[in-house]
Amino acid sequence: MRGALRLVLGDQLSLQLASLADLDARHDVVLMAEVAEEASHVPHHPQKLVFIFSAMRHFAEALRARGVRVEYVALDDPDNRGSLAAELRRWVERLQPASVQLTETGDWRVEQALRESGVAITWHADTRFICSRQAFARWAAGKRTLRMEFFYREMRKRTGLLLRADGTPEGGVWNLDADNRKPPGRALAGPLQPRFAADAITREVQALVARRFAAHYGRLEGFDYPVTAEEAERLWAHFLDFGLAAFGDYQDAMVAGEPYLFHARISAALNVGLLDPRRLCVEVEAAWRDGRVPLNAAEGFIRQVIGWREYVRGIYWLQMPGYATRNALGNRRALPAFYWTGQTRMNCLRQVIGQTLEHAYAHHIQRLMVTGNFALLAGIVPQQVCDWYLAVYMDAFDWVELPNTLGMLMHADGGYLGSKPYCASGQYIRRMSNYCEGCVYKVNESTTEDACPLNALYWHFLLRHRESLHKNPRMRMSYLSLERMSESKVEALWLRGEQLLAWLDAGEQL
C-alpha cells in the first residue's frame, strides 16, 4: 500500500478532521470499526449505540461518495477482533501502509491502548477544539485551582466573540449567568422538535442493537436523532429560529413532560463531529447583532461552548488518568437501582430518569441539580455515578462526562474544578421546576415521614462534611443557617437523614 491508513473513530465524524486534512483518495485508506469493547465497557443506552453506529456508517458512505476507499468493520463482522487496537493491528498487517494517521482521541483509555498497540502512529491535534491540550496546560501552569470564568474570558479574547472594538465585553460584563435562571411558569412549553426518520442504514443498526444489547437499560423505540451532517444542520437551524431567543431566560428551568424546552439538543451531534462549534458560536453572535435574540441568550450559549466545553476537556487531559479515581468526600454508598429503572416516588428523580431512559437526554440542570444533587447528598461512590452518566446520555464521551460528573456534580476532586459542592434542598427544585406539584412528598417539610427527602439529606450532607466545608466562603450562608437552628431541629434533621440513607442501603424505594 503506497498511501496512509487513516483511523477515524466514532466521535470523529468530520470531513475537517485533522488526520484527514491531506488525504489522498488515490492511495489512502480510511479505517472505521465498530468494536464490542467500546460498545459495552459501560452499558450504553440503546439509542446512544444506534446514534453512534448509524452516524459512523453514514459518514463512511459520505467518504465513499467523495471517492475515498473506506474499510468498515461492522460489529457483527465475523473477523472483528473486538477492540480498536486489535483492529488497527489487523489492518496494518493486512495493508502494510506507508503510515498510520490518527487524530487525538476523546478517551484516555482508548488513546492509551492505541499508543501501546505496537503500531507506529502519526498523531494529529484535534483542531475541532479552540484550545489545544498544550495551550490549556500552559494556561493552567502554576495555578492551585482552575476556574472556568477566567479561562472563558481568555477564550472570548482569543475568538473575539461578543467583544466591543476596544476589547471589552458586549453588555459590560463577561458573564450573564445571573440572567439565565428564570423559573418556569405554569404553562411554559418549548417549540415542537424536528424529527428524523430512520433510513435503511439506521433501521439495520436498530436491529443490530436490539439483538446484541437487549439487556442494556433505556428505550430503543422512538429514536429520532440526526445521524448525518445535513440532518444536524436542520436541527441547528431549528434551534436558531425557534429556541435560542428563550434559551437565555429558561436554560435552567425544568418542566414535567418537556424534556427539551428551549435547549438545542445538538450536543451529541457536536461531540461526534457533525457540527462545527466555532461556526455555531459565530452564527449565534450574528443572531444577537441582528437583533433576533437577546444578549443573555447569545452569551449563555457561547459560554457553554467556548467556555465550559473547552474547559472540561482541558482539565480531563491535564489530570488523567488519576482524576478518574478521586473521591475527596470519601463516598461509599452504591448507586441506587432506581437510577437504572426510574422507579422512585420522588417525582423530580422520576421525571429526569424517566426522560433519560426514554430519550437518552437530560439538560445540564436536570443532570446537575436533580440526579447529580441526589447522588452528592446521598454519598454515592463517584465512579459509579460517572459510569451511569457515561452509559445513559447520548452526548456522553469520557472527556466531557468525567470532569462534569466527578468534579462538578460529585465534588470528588476536592474543589479543583468547582469552587463549591453544587448541593441543594428541595426548595431549589420547587423554584426551578414544577416537579414538586406531582410528588407524594411535601417540599416544605423536612423531618416528617412525607417530607421531601432532599431537605433532610441536604442538612445531613452539611453536617457530616462540616469539617471540610464550613470554611468554604461560598458555603458560609448555609452553615450560618445551620448554626442558627435549635439543637432539637438539627438532631431531627440528622435522624431523618440517617433513616433515608439506611433505606437506600437496604435497597428500599424512596
Protein backbone atom coordinates (compact mmCIF):
# COMPACT_ATOMS: atom_id res chain seq x y z
CA MET A 1 0.00 0.00 0.00
CA ARG A 2 1.56 3.30 -1.13
CA GLY A 3 -0.60 5.60 0.96
CA ALA A 4 -1.63 6.17 4.56
CA LEU A 5 -4.08 4.25 6.70
CA ARG A 6 -6.27 6.77 8.48
CA LEU A 7 -8.21 5.50 11.50
CA VAL A 8 -11.39 7.51 12.18
CA LEU A 9 -13.15 6.91 15.50
CA GLY A 10 -16.88 7.10 16.23
CA ASP A 11 -16.64 10.61 17.69
CA GLN A 12 -14.50 11.97 14.83
CA LEU A 13 -17.08 12.17 12.06
CA SER A 14 -15.93 15.40 10.45
CA LEU A 15 -14.56 15.98 6.97
CA GLN A 16 -12.39 18.67 8.57
CA LEU A 17 -10.73 16.16 10.93
CA ALA A 18 -7.02 16.93 11.21
CA SER A 19 -5.95 13.41 10.24
CA LEU A 20 -7.99 13.68 7.03
CA ALA A 21 -6.65 17.10 6.03
CA ASP A 22 -4.12 15.86 3.46
CA LEU A 23 -5.99 12.70 2.45
CA ASP A 24 -5.04 11.35 -0.99
CA ALA A 25 -8.07 9.49 -2.30
CA ARG A 26 -5.93 7.70 -4.89
CA HIS A 27 -3.72 5.92 -2.37
CA ASP A 28 -5.02 6.37 1.21
CA VAL A 29 -7.47 4.15 3.05
CA VAL A 30 -9.81 5.24 5.88
CA LEU A 31 -10.44 2.59 8.54
CA MET A 32 -13.56 2.67 10.73
CA ALA A 33 -14.58 -0.03 13.18
CA GLU A 34 -17.49 -0.80 15.48
CA VAL A 35 -15.99 -2.80 18.34
CA ALA A 36 -17.52 -4.62 21.28
CA GLU A 37 -15.10 -3.11 23.78
CA GLU A 38 -16.35 0.42 23.14
CA ALA A 39 -19.99 -0.62 22.90
CA SER A 40 -20.06 -2.46 26.22
CA HIS A 41 -17.38 -1.19 28.64
CA VAL A 42 -20.37 0.52 30.25
CA PRO A 43 -23.97 -0.49 29.41
CA HIS A 44 -24.61 2.30 26.91
CA HIS A 45 -28.18 3.39 26.27
CA PRO A 46 -29.52 1.57 23.17
CA GLN A 47 -30.31 4.87 21.45
CA LYS A 48 -26.76 6.08 22.05
CA LEU A 49 -25.42 2.96 20.33
CA VAL A 50 -27.81 3.44 17.42
CA PHE A 51 -26.76 7.07 17.10
CA ILE A 52 -23.03 6.37 17.05
CA PHE A 53 -23.11 3.30 14.79
CA SER A 54 -25.57 4.88 12.35
CA ALA A 55 -23.61 8.15 12.22
CA MET A 56 -20.41 6.18 11.61
CA ARG A 57 -21.97 4.21 8.75
CA HIS A 58 -23.39 7.35 7.17
CA PHE A 59 -20.02 9.07 7.45
CA ALA A 60 -18.34 6.12 5.76
CA GLU A 61 -20.82 6.47 2.89
CA ALA A 62 -20.11 10.20 2.68
CA LEU A 63 -16.40 9.47 2.32
CA ARG A 64 -17.04 6.83 -0.33
CA ALA A 65 -19.17 9.32 -2.25
CA ARG A 66 -16.02 11.50 -2.44
CA GLY A 67 -14.01 8.67 -3.91
CA VAL A 68 -12.30 7.60 -0.68
CA ARG A 69 -11.63 3.93 -0.03
CA VAL A 70 -13.15 3.04 3.34
CA GLU A 71 -12.60 -0.25 5.13
CA TYR A 72 -15.54 -0.50 7.52
CA VAL A 73 -15.68 -3.20 10.19
CA ALA A 74 -19.23 -3.77 11.44
CA LEU A 75 -19.87 -5.06 14.94
CA ASP A 76 -21.16 -8.40 13.66
CA ASP A 77 -18.33 -8.90 11.15
CA PRO A 78 -17.01 -12.43 11.88
CA ASP A 79 -13.40 -11.17 11.65
CA ASN A 80 -13.99 -8.33 14.12
CA ARG A 81 -11.34 -8.56 16.85
CA GLY A 82 -13.33 -6.63 19.44
CA SER A 83 -11.09 -3.62 20.17
CA LEU A 84 -9.79 -0.63 18.26
CA ALA A 85 -6.16 -1.52 18.94
CA ALA A 86 -6.63 -5.08 17.71
CA GLU A 87 -8.47 -3.91 14.59
CA LEU A 88 -5.75 -1.38 13.85
CA ARG A 89 -3.07 -4.06 14.12
CA ARG A 90 -5.08 -6.38 11.86
CA TRP A 91 -5.41 -3.83 9.09
CA VAL A 92 -1.80 -2.66 9.36
CA GLU A 93 -0.68 -6.26 8.92
CA ARG A 94 -3.06 -6.71 6.00
CA LEU A 95 -2.42 -3.45 4.11
CA GLN A 96 1.16 -2.59 5.09
CA PRO A 97 0.50 1.17 4.78
CA ALA A 98 3.24 3.77 4.37
CA SER A 99 1.99 5.47 7.55
CA VAL A 100 -0.85 5.41 10.06
CA GLN A 101 -2.60 8.71 10.77
CA LEU A 102 -4.85 9.37 13.77
CA THR A 103 -6.39 12.39 15.50
CA GLU A 104 -6.19 12.62 19.30
CA THR A 105 -8.99 10.65 20.91
CA GLY A 106 -11.63 11.80 23.38
CA ASP A 107 -10.95 8.97 25.84
CA TRP A 108 -7.71 8.47 27.77
CA ARG A 109 -8.29 4.70 27.94
CA VAL A 110 -8.70 4.41 24.17
CA GLU A 111 -5.72 6.63 23.38
CA GLN A 112 -3.50 4.72 25.79
CA ALA A 113 -4.49 1.40 24.19
CA LEU A 114 -3.72 2.75 20.71
CA ARG A 115 -0.40 4.23 21.83
CA GLU A 116 0.52 0.83 23.30
CA SER A 117 -0.74 -1.13 20.28
CA GLY A 118 2.70 -1.64 18.79
CA VAL A 119 1.72 0.37 15.70
CA ALA A 120 3.72 3.46 14.76
CA ILE A 121 1.13 6.25 14.63
CA THR A 122 1.42 9.82 13.42
CA TRP A 123 -0.77 11.76 15.83
CA HIS A 124 -2.66 14.95 14.97
CA ALA A 125 -4.02 17.53 17.41
CA ASP A 126 -7.81 17.69 17.42
CA THR A 127 -8.33 21.06 15.76
CA ARG A 128 -12.09 20.86 16.23
CA PHE A 129 -11.36 22.40 19.64
CA ILE A 130 -10.23 26.01 20.02
CA CYS A 131 -7.82 25.34 22.89
CA SER A 132 -5.28 22.57 22.35
CA ARG A 133 -4.22 20.27 25.17
CA GLN A 134 -0.84 22.02 25.25
CA ALA A 135 -2.35 25.50 25.33
CA PHE A 136 -4.61 24.57 28.22
CA ALA A 137 -1.67 23.12 30.14
CA ARG A 138 0.20 26.41 29.66
CA TRP A 139 -2.82 28.36 30.94
CA ALA A 140 -3.16 26.07 33.97
CA ALA A 141 0.55 26.06 34.90
CA GLY A 142 1.17 27.32 38.42
CA LYS A 143 -2.50 27.63 39.38
CA ARG A 144 -3.72 25.81 42.51
CA THR A 145 -7.30 25.81 41.34
CA LEU A 146 -8.69 26.30 37.86
CA ARG A 147 -11.76 28.47 37.46
CA MET A 148 -13.78 28.32 34.28
CA GLU A 149 -14.69 32.00 34.44
CA PHE A 150 -11.10 33.17 33.87
CA PHE A 151 -10.48 30.57 31.18
CA TYR A 152 -13.69 31.64 29.45
CA ARG A 153 -12.52 35.25 29.32
CA GLU A 154 -9.34 34.10 27.60
CA MET A 155 -11.40 32.18 25.05
CA ARG A 156 -13.55 35.24 24.37
CA LYS A 157 -10.42 37.32 23.76
CA ARG A 158 -8.91 34.62 21.56
CA THR A 159 -12.01 34.26 19.40
CA GLY A 160 -13.23 37.87 19.51
CA LEU A 161 -16.77 36.67 20.18
CA LEU A 162 -19.12 39.23 21.76
CA LEU A 163 -16.35 41.81 22.15
CA ARG A 164 -16.50 45.53 21.52
CA ALA A 165 -13.92 47.26 19.35
CA ASP A 166 -11.89 48.15 22.46
CA GLY A 167 -11.73 44.52 23.59
CA THR A 168 -14.27 44.84 26.41
CA PRO A 169 -17.28 42.51 26.57
CA GLU A 170 -20.59 43.41 24.99
CA GLY A 171 -23.05 44.38 27.73
CA GLY A 172 -20.20 45.47 30.01
CA VAL A 173 -19.80 42.12 31.78
CA TRP A 174 -18.25 38.82 30.73
CA ASN A 175 -20.87 36.52 32.18
CA LEU A 176 -24.66 36.88 32.23
CA ASP A 177 -25.36 33.67 34.12
CA ALA A 178 -27.47 35.58 36.64
CA ASP A 179 -29.88 36.33 33.79
CA ASN A 180 -30.17 32.65 32.80
CA ARG A 181 -32.19 31.44 35.79
CA LYS A 182 -35.78 32.41 35.17
CA PRO A 183 -38.13 29.86 36.75
CA PRO A 184 -40.81 28.28 34.57
CA GLY A 185 -44.37 29.50 34.57
CA ARG A 186 -47.24 27.04 34.77
CA ALA A 187 -47.73 26.90 31.01
CA LEU A 188 -44.09 27.02 29.86
CA ALA A 189 -43.53 24.78 26.83
CA GLY A 190 -40.78 24.60 24.26
CA PRO A 191 -41.19 24.54 20.47
CA LEU A 192 -42.04 21.32 18.67
CA GLN A 193 -38.85 19.44 17.89
CA PRO A 194 -37.91 18.28 14.39
CA ARG A 195 -37.90 14.52 13.96
CA PHE A 196 -35.56 12.48 11.80
CA ALA A 197 -36.99 9.32 10.30
CA ALA A 198 -34.79 6.23 10.26
CA ASP A 199 -33.47 5.28 6.84
CA ALA A 200 -32.30 1.81 5.78
CA ILE A 201 -28.90 2.23 7.46
CA THR A 202 -30.40 3.32 10.78
CA ARG A 203 -33.01 0.55 10.68
CA GLU A 204 -30.25 -2.00 10.16
CA VAL A 205 -28.36 -0.59 13.14
CA GLN A 206 -31.51 -0.63 15.28
CA ALA A 207 -31.94 -4.33 14.55
CA LEU A 208 -28.29 -4.95 15.46
CA VAL A 209 -28.58 -3.09 18.77
CA ALA A 210 -31.84 -4.84 19.63
CA ARG A 211 -30.17 -8.17 19.01
CA ARG A 212 -26.85 -7.55 20.74
CA PHE A 213 -27.71 -5.19 23.61
CA ALA A 214 -31.18 -6.18 24.77
CA ALA A 215 -30.05 -6.18 28.42
CA HIS A 216 -29.00 -2.51 28.38
CA TYR A 217 -31.30 -0.06 30.16
CA GLY A 218 -33.10 2.50 28.04
CA ARG A 219 -35.75 2.57 25.35
CA LEU A 220 -34.70 1.72 21.80
CA GLU A 221 -38.03 2.68 20.21
CA GLY A 222 -38.61 6.30 19.28
CA PHE A 223 -35.06 7.07 18.14
CA ASP A 224 -35.14 10.32 16.13
CA TYR A 225 -31.69 11.91 16.38
CA PRO A 226 -29.80 13.35 13.41
CA VAL A 227 -27.16 10.92 12.13
CA THR A 228 -25.69 12.97 9.26
CA ALA A 229 -24.18 16.43 9.00
CA GLU A 230 -27.14 17.54 6.87
CA GLU A 231 -29.66 16.41 9.49
CA ALA A 232 -27.63 18.03 12.27
CA GLU A 233 -27.72 21.29 10.32
CA ARG A 234 -31.52 21.09 10.19
CA LEU A 235 -31.67 20.61 13.96
CA TRP A 236 -29.30 23.54 14.46
CA ALA A 237 -31.30 25.81 12.15
CA HIS A 238 -34.46 24.93 14.10
CA PHE A 239 -32.81 25.98 17.36
CA LEU A 240 -31.62 29.27 15.90
CA ASP A 241 -35.10 30.07 14.65
CA PHE A 242 -37.26 28.78 17.49
CA GLY A 243 -35.18 28.02 20.61
CA LEU A 244 -32.28 30.41 21.09
CA ALA A 245 -34.25 33.56 21.90
CA ALA A 246 -35.80 31.98 25.02
CA PHE A 247 -32.81 29.78 25.85
CA GLY A 248 -31.13 32.55 27.84
CA ASP A 249 -34.02 33.07 30.23
CA TYR A 250 -35.04 29.44 30.67
CA GLN A 251 -31.91 27.34 30.30
CA ASP A 252 -32.12 26.29 33.98
CA ALA A 253 -35.88 25.65 34.00
CA MET A 254 -37.38 22.16 34.33
CA VAL A 255 -40.93 21.19 33.38
CA ALA A 256 -42.59 17.77 33.60
CA GLY A 257 -43.27 16.35 30.16
CA GLU A 258 -40.95 18.91 28.49
CA PRO A 259 -37.56 17.20 28.18
CA TYR A 260 -36.06 19.80 25.82
CA LEU A 261 -37.79 23.15 26.42
CA PHE A 262 -35.56 25.69 24.61
CA HIS A 263 -32.37 23.65 24.57
CA ALA A 264 -30.65 22.97 21.25
CA ARG A 265 -30.41 19.16 21.55
CA ILE A 266 -27.24 19.34 19.44
CA SER A 267 -24.60 18.25 21.98
CA ALA A 268 -24.43 14.67 20.72
CA ALA A 269 -24.03 15.79 17.09
CA LEU A 270 -21.46 18.35 18.20
CA ASN A 271 -19.45 15.82 20.19
CA VAL A 272 -19.16 13.34 17.32
CA GLY A 273 -18.18 15.97 14.77
CA LEU A 274 -21.37 16.53 12.78
CA LEU A 275 -21.33 20.25 13.67
CA ASP A 276 -18.51 22.79 13.95
CA PRO A 277 -18.52 24.61 17.33
CA ARG A 278 -16.76 27.72 16.03
CA ARG A 279 -19.30 28.31 13.30
CA LEU A 280 -22.22 27.78 15.69
CA CYS A 281 -20.88 30.47 18.00
CA VAL A 282 -20.35 32.87 15.11
CA GLU A 283 -23.93 32.33 13.97
CA VAL A 284 -25.25 32.88 17.50
CA GLU A 285 -23.29 36.14 17.77
CA ALA A 286 -24.70 37.20 14.40
CA ALA A 287 -28.23 36.45 15.60
CA TRP A 288 -27.66 38.80 18.54
CA ARG A 289 -26.08 41.55 16.43
CA ASP A 290 -29.04 41.32 14.04
CA GLY A 291 -31.45 41.82 16.95
CA ARG A 292 -33.02 38.36 16.68
CA VAL A 293 -32.06 37.17 20.18
CA PRO A 294 -31.21 38.89 23.49
CA LEU A 295 -27.64 39.13 24.74
CA ASN A 296 -28.17 36.76 27.67
CA ALA A 297 -29.21 34.02 25.22
CA ALA A 298 -26.23 34.52 22.93
CA GLU A 299 -23.72 34.84 25.76
CA GLY A 300 -25.19 31.86 27.62
CA PHE A 301 -24.84 29.63 24.58
CA ILE A 302 -21.35 30.81 23.67
CA ARG A 303 -20.19 30.38 27.27
CA GLN A 304 -21.30 26.75 27.23
CA VAL A 305 -19.38 26.04 24.01
CA ILE A 306 -16.12 28.00 24.10
CA GLY A 307 -16.06 28.25 27.88
CA TRP A 308 -17.32 25.20 29.68
CA ARG A 309 -16.92 22.63 26.88
CA GLU A 310 -13.31 23.59 26.19
CA TYR A 311 -12.55 23.93 29.91
CA VAL A 312 -13.65 20.44 30.93
CA ARG A 313 -11.71 18.91 28.03
CA GLY A 314 -8.61 20.75 29.17
CA ILE A 315 -8.98 19.52 32.74
CA TYR A 316 -9.58 15.96 31.54
CA TRP A 317 -6.33 15.74 29.57
CA LEU A 318 -4.36 17.68 32.18
CA GLN A 319 -5.38 15.39 35.06
CA MET A 320 -5.89 11.92 33.61
CA PRO A 321 -5.58 9.10 34.49
CA GLY A 322 -5.52 9.86 38.23
CA TYR A 323 -8.53 12.17 38.05
CA ALA A 324 -10.91 9.27 37.41
CA THR A 325 -10.23 7.66 40.81
CA ARG A 326 -10.69 10.72 43.03
CA ASN A 327 -13.16 10.55 45.91
CA ALA A 328 -12.43 13.57 48.09
CA LEU A 329 -15.59 13.19 50.19
CA GLY A 330 -14.96 9.50 50.88
CA ASN A 331 -18.28 8.30 49.44
CA ARG A 332 -19.01 4.58 49.83
CA ARG A 333 -22.71 4.12 49.07
CA ALA A 334 -23.72 2.13 45.96
CA LEU A 335 -25.72 3.74 43.18
CA PRO A 336 -29.43 3.04 43.87
CA ALA A 337 -31.15 0.67 41.46
CA PHE A 338 -33.77 3.30 40.59
CA TYR A 339 -31.15 5.21 38.57
CA TRP A 340 -31.47 2.40 36.04
CA THR A 341 -35.23 1.94 36.23
CA GLY A 342 -36.74 5.31 37.22
CA GLN A 343 -38.87 3.55 39.83
CA THR A 344 -38.94 6.08 42.66
CA ARG A 345 -41.67 8.09 44.36
CA MET A 346 -39.57 11.27 44.18
CA ASN A 347 -41.17 13.00 41.22
CA CYS A 348 -38.11 15.09 40.29
CA LEU A 349 -35.95 11.97 40.00
CA ARG A 350 -38.72 10.02 38.30
CA GLN A 351 -39.17 12.75 35.68
CA VAL A 352 -35.48 13.17 34.88
CA ILE A 353 -34.54 9.49 34.95
CA GLY A 354 -37.70 8.65 33.02
CA GLN A 355 -36.89 11.03 30.18
CA THR A 356 -33.28 9.83 30.26
CA LEU A 357 -34.36 6.24 29.72
CA GLU A 358 -36.80 7.32 27.01
CA HIS A 359 -34.63 9.81 25.09
CA ALA A 360 -31.02 9.36 26.33
CA TYR A 361 -31.24 13.06 27.13
CA ALA A 362 -31.45 15.49 30.04
CA HIS A 363 -30.25 19.07 30.06
CA HIS A 364 -27.45 20.33 32.28
CA ILE A 365 -29.56 21.49 35.25
CA GLN A 366 -31.52 18.24 35.32
CA ARG A 367 -28.21 16.39 35.49
CA LEU A 368 -26.54 18.74 37.96
CA MET A 369 -29.37 19.62 40.34
CA VAL A 370 -31.61 16.55 40.25
CA THR A 371 -29.79 13.26 39.60
CA GLY A 372 -26.42 14.75 40.47
CA ASN A 373 -27.62 16.57 43.57
CA PHE A 374 -29.24 13.44 44.98
CA ALA A 375 -26.10 11.35 44.34
CA LEU A 376 -23.96 14.00 46.05
CA LEU A 377 -26.24 14.31 49.10
CA ALA A 378 -26.57 10.53 49.43
CA GLY A 379 -22.82 9.94 49.28
CA ILE A 380 -22.78 7.67 46.22
CA VAL A 381 -19.40 6.34 45.04
CA PRO A 382 -18.38 8.85 42.34
CA GLN A 383 -17.06 6.23 39.94
CA GLN A 384 -20.47 4.52 39.89
CA VAL A 385 -22.17 7.83 39.19
CA CYS A 386 -19.69 8.56 36.40
CA ASP A 387 -20.32 5.18 34.79
CA TRP A 388 -24.07 5.83 34.89
CA TYR A 389 -23.79 9.23 33.21
CA LEU A 390 -21.42 7.83 30.59
CA ALA A 391 -23.85 5.00 29.86
CA VAL A 392 -27.21 6.73 29.68
CA TYR A 393 -26.62 10.03 27.86
CA MET A 394 -26.39 10.35 24.09
CA ASP A 395 -23.72 13.06 24.26
CA ALA A 396 -21.56 11.44 26.96
CA PHE A 397 -17.95 10.82 25.98
CA ASP A 398 -15.26 10.40 28.60
CA TRP A 399 -13.53 13.77 28.10
CA VAL A 400 -16.74 15.71 28.73
CA GLU A 401 -18.62 13.38 31.07
CA LEU A 402 -15.90 12.65 33.64
CA PRO A 403 -14.95 16.21 34.74
CA ASN A 404 -18.60 17.28 34.71
CA THR A 405 -19.70 14.35 36.84
CA LEU A 406 -16.77 13.69 39.13
CA GLY A 407 -15.77 17.33 39.57
CA MET A 408 -18.89 19.43 39.11
CA LEU A 409 -21.61 17.07 40.33
CA MET A 410 -19.82 15.00 42.96
CA HIS A 411 -17.13 17.44 44.18
CA ALA A 412 -14.92 14.36 44.25
CA ASP A 413 -11.84 16.33 43.16
CA GLY A 414 -11.98 18.40 46.36
CA GLY A 415 -12.79 21.66 44.61
CA TYR A 416 -10.21 21.58 41.83
CA LEU A 417 -12.87 22.18 39.19
CA GLY A 418 -15.75 23.77 41.14
CA SER A 419 -15.38 26.24 43.98
CA LYS A 420 -18.19 24.62 45.99
CA PRO A 421 -20.33 21.48 46.06
CA TYR A 422 -23.48 22.05 43.97
CA CYS A 423 -25.89 20.82 46.65
CA ALA A 424 -29.42 21.99 47.31
CA SER A 425 -32.56 21.13 49.22
CA GLY A 426 -35.93 20.53 47.65
CA GLN A 427 -36.53 24.27 47.63
CA TYR A 428 -34.30 24.66 44.59
CA ILE A 429 -36.36 22.06 42.73
CA ARG A 430 -39.58 23.84 43.77
CA ARG A 431 -38.27 27.18 42.49
CA MET A 432 -36.84 25.97 39.15
CA SER A 433 -39.41 23.34 38.15
CA ASN A 434 -42.98 22.15 38.51
CA TYR A 435 -41.87 18.70 39.65
CA CYS A 436 -42.97 19.21 43.26
CA GLU A 437 -46.61 19.65 42.21
CA GLY A 438 -46.85 15.98 41.24
CA CYS A 439 -44.87 14.49 44.12
CA VAL A 440 -46.07 12.40 47.05
CA TYR A 441 -43.52 14.16 49.25
CA LYS A 442 -44.02 17.64 50.70
CA VAL A 443 -41.29 20.05 49.70
CA ASN A 444 -41.97 22.38 52.64
CA GLU A 445 -41.43 19.63 55.22
CA SER A 446 -38.06 18.31 56.37
CA THR A 447 -38.42 15.74 59.12
CA THR A 448 -41.86 14.22 58.76
CA GLU A 449 -42.44 10.85 57.08
CA ASP A 450 -43.86 12.58 54.00
CA ALA A 451 -41.16 15.28 53.86
CA CYS A 452 -39.12 15.76 50.69
CA PRO A 453 -36.03 13.55 51.14
CA LEU A 454 -33.79 16.22 49.62
CA ASN A 455 -34.42 18.54 52.58
CA ALA A 456 -33.06 16.34 55.36
CA LEU A 457 -30.35 14.88 53.09
CA TYR A 458 -29.12 18.40 52.34
CA TRP A 459 -28.60 19.24 56.01
CA HIS A 460 -27.25 15.77 56.72
CA PHE A 461 -24.65 16.33 53.98
CA LEU A 462 -23.61 19.66 55.52
CA LEU A 463 -23.37 18.11 58.97
CA ARG A 464 -21.29 15.11 58.01
CA HIS A 465 -18.88 17.22 55.94
CA ARG A 466 -18.81 20.22 58.27
CA GLU A 467 -15.08 19.92 58.99
CA SER A 468 -14.04 20.09 55.33
CA LEU A 469 -16.67 22.50 54.01
CA HIS A 470 -17.55 25.07 56.67
CA LYS A 471 -14.57 27.31 55.83
CA ASN A 472 -15.56 27.50 52.16
CA PRO A 473 -16.67 31.12 51.58
CA ARG A 474 -19.44 30.03 49.19
CA MET A 475 -20.87 27.69 51.85
CA ARG A 476 -20.85 30.31 54.62
CA MET A 477 -24.55 31.21 54.42
CA SER A 478 -25.60 27.56 54.60
CA TYR A 479 -23.50 26.93 57.68
CA LEU A 480 -24.71 30.15 59.33
CA SER A 481 -28.28 28.88 58.84
CA LEU A 482 -27.28 25.59 60.40
CA GLU A 483 -25.73 27.34 63.39
CA ARG A 484 -28.95 29.30 63.98
CA MET A 485 -31.04 26.14 64.24
CA SER A 486 -32.03 24.73 67.59
CA GLU A 487 -30.29 21.56 68.76
CA SER A 488 -33.55 19.65 68.56
CA LYS A 489 -34.09 20.71 64.93
CA VAL A 490 -30.55 19.70 63.97
CA GLU A 491 -30.96 16.35 65.69
CA ALA A 492 -34.26 15.73 63.94
CA LEU A 493 -32.71 16.51 60.54
CA TRP A 494 -29.77 14.21 61.28
CA LEU A 495 -32.03 11.36 62.33
CA ARG A 496 -34.27 11.78 59.29
CA GLY A 497 -31.18 11.78 57.06
CA GLU A 498 -29.88 8.65 58.77
CA GLN A 499 -33.24 6.96 58.20
CA LEU A 500 -33.27 7.83 54.50
CA LEU A 501 -29.72 6.63 53.96
CA ALA A 502 -30.45 3.40 55.82
CA TRP A 503 -33.38 2.81 53.46
CA LEU A 504 -31.08 3.34 50.50
CA ASP A 505 -28.56 0.87 51.93
CA ALA A 506 -31.34 -1.68 52.37
CA GLY A 507 -32.44 -1.24 48.76
CA GLU A 508 -35.78 0.23 49.73
CA GLN A 509 -37.54 2.62 47.38
CA LEU A 510 -37.68 6.30 48.27
